[in-house]
Amino acid sequence: MINVENAIKIATKTGFVQIGSKKSIRLVKNEEAKLVLVANNCPKEILEDLKIYCKFSNIPIYQYKGSNWDLGFLCGKPFMISVLSIIDAGDSDILKLKEESSN
């Protein structure tokens, strides 16, 4: 079991991630994302859209247990983040969350 919070911090600093639902949906449609993280209080409409697109693209979704404020803080941002797409994990082992994803 990996430490999700540390993995998110490391991926944000050393890898390539995109923030936001619109960018994430575009990345999933183009099959560029390797993993999508969703905050526990992400709006249901966005979550349902992401689940549909991720299922078609075979990209896992991981439901992060923290809120969108928590996810924003982990990414070093002073605002809420409901959706985070991992394109390159960098030095992080965050892609191991694929096994725990809820697709």
Protein backbone atom coordinates (compact mmCIF):
# COMPACT_ATOMS: atom_id res chain seq x y z
CA MET A 1 0.00 0.00 0.00
CA ILE A 2 1.47 3.32 -1.03
CA ASN A 3 1.18 6.66 0.73
CA VAL A 4 -1.23 8.44 -1.61
CA GLU A 5 -0.51 11.94 -0.31
CA ASN A 6 3.25 11.61 -0.79
CA ALA A 7 2.76 10.05 -4.22
CA ILE A 8 0.59 12.99 -5.31
CA LYS A 9 3.15 15.52 -4.05
CA ILE A 10 6.03 13.77 -5.82
CA ALA A 11 4.09 13.33 -9.07
CA THR A 12 3.17 17.02 -9.03
CA LYS A 13 6.80 18.08 -8.48
CA THR A 14 8.68 15.61 -10.67
CA GLY A 15 6.12 14.40 -13.21
CA PHE A 16 3.56 15.94 -15.52
CA VAL A 17 0.00 16.37 -14.27
CA GLN A 18 -2.99 18.36 -15.47
CA ILE A 19 -5.53 19.98 -13.18
CA GLY A 20 -9.22 20.34 -13.89
CA SER A 21 -12.14 18.37 -15.22
CA LYS A 22 -12.21 19.82 -18.74
CA LYS A 23 -8.52 19.14 -19.34
CA SER A 24 -8.83 15.71 -17.78
CA ILE A 25 -11.77 14.74 -19.97
CA ARG A 26 -9.84 15.87 -23.05
CA LEU A 27 -6.77 13.87 -21.96
CA VAL A 28 -8.89 10.79 -21.31
CA LYS A 29 -10.62 11.08 -24.69
CA ASN A 30 -7.21 11.28 -26.37
CA GLU A 31 -5.89 8.44 -24.17
CA GLU A 32 -3.02 10.61 -22.92
CA ALA A 33 -3.72 10.26 -19.19
CA LYS A 34 -2.45 7.21 -17.35
CA LEU A 35 -4.51 7.73 -14.20
CA VAL A 36 -7.25 10.13 -13.08
CA LEU A 37 -7.61 11.12 -9.43
CA VAL A 38 -10.94 12.50 -8.23
CA ALA A 39 -11.60 14.23 -4.89
CA ASN A 40 -14.28 12.71 -2.68
CA ASN A 41 -16.51 15.77 -3.08
CA CYS A 42 -16.16 16.09 -6.85
CA PRO A 43 -19.52 17.06 -8.43
CA LYS A 44 -21.48 13.96 -9.43
CA GLU A 45 -21.99 15.15 -13.03
CA ILE A 46 -18.25 15.47 -13.57
CA LEU A 47 -17.57 12.13 -11.91
CA GLU A 48 -20.16 10.36 -14.07
CA ASP A 49 -18.73 11.91 -17.26
CA LEU A 50 -15.21 10.88 -16.27
CA LYS A 51 -16.31 7.34 -15.47
CA ILE A 52 -17.89 6.97 -18.91
CA TYR A 53 -14.88 8.34 -20.80
CA CYS A 54 -12.39 6.41 -18.67
CA LYS A 55 -14.27 3.18 -19.23
CA PHE A 56 -14.15 3.64 -23.02
CA SER A 57 -10.47 4.64 -22.92
CA ASN A 58 -9.54 1.97 -20.36
CA ILE A 59 -7.98 4.56 -18.02
CA PRO A 60 -8.36 3.95 -14.28
CA ILE A 61 -10.02 6.41 -11.89
CA TYR A 62 -8.86 6.61 -8.29
CA GLN A 63 -11.25 8.14 -5.76
CA TYR A 64 -9.04 10.18 -3.42
CA LYS A 65 -10.37 10.12 0.14
CA GLY A 66 -9.70 13.80 0.78
CA SER A 67 -11.67 16.84 -0.32
CA ASN A 68 -10.94 19.11 -3.27
CA TRP A 69 -9.26 21.53 -0.84
CA ASP A 70 -6.99 18.70 0.36
CA LEU A 71 -6.10 17.76 -3.21
CA GLY A 72 -5.33 21.39 -4.04
CA PHE A 73 -3.09 21.67 -0.98
CA LEU A 74 -1.19 18.49 -1.92
CA CYS A 75 -0.56 19.93 -5.39
CA GLY A 76 0.79 23.14 -3.85
CA LYS A 77 -2.11 25.25 -5.11
CA PRO A 78 -4.15 27.80 -3.13
CA PHE A 79 -7.42 26.61 -4.69
CA MET A 80 -9.65 23.56 -4.90
CA ILE A 81 -8.84 20.72 -7.30
CA SER A 82 -11.57 18.16 -7.96
CA VAL A 83 -9.83 16.27 -10.77
CA LEU A 84 -6.14 15.57 -11.37
CA SER A 85 -4.81 13.66 -14.39
CA ILE A 86 -1.45 11.93 -14.28
CA ILE A 87 0.33 11.98 -17.64
CA ASP A 88 3.85 11.24 -16.36
CA ALA A 89 4.36 10.03 -12.79
CA GLY A 90 7.95 11.26 -12.57
CA ASP A 91 9.70 9.77 -9.52
CA SER A 92 6.38 8.88 -7.90
CA ASP A 93 4.88 5.44 -7.54
CA ILE A 94 1.38 6.84 -8.00
CA LEU A 95 0.63 4.59 -10.97
CA LYS A 96 0.46 1.69 -8.51
CA LEU A 97 -2.95 3.13 -7.62
CA LYS A 98 -4.22 1.61 -10.87
CA GLU A 99 -4.65 -1.64 -8.97
CA GLU A 100 -6.85 0.11 -6.38
CA SER A 101 -8.87 2.14 -8.88
CA SER A 102 -12.65 2.07 -9.08
CA ASN A 103 -13.37 1.70 -12.80
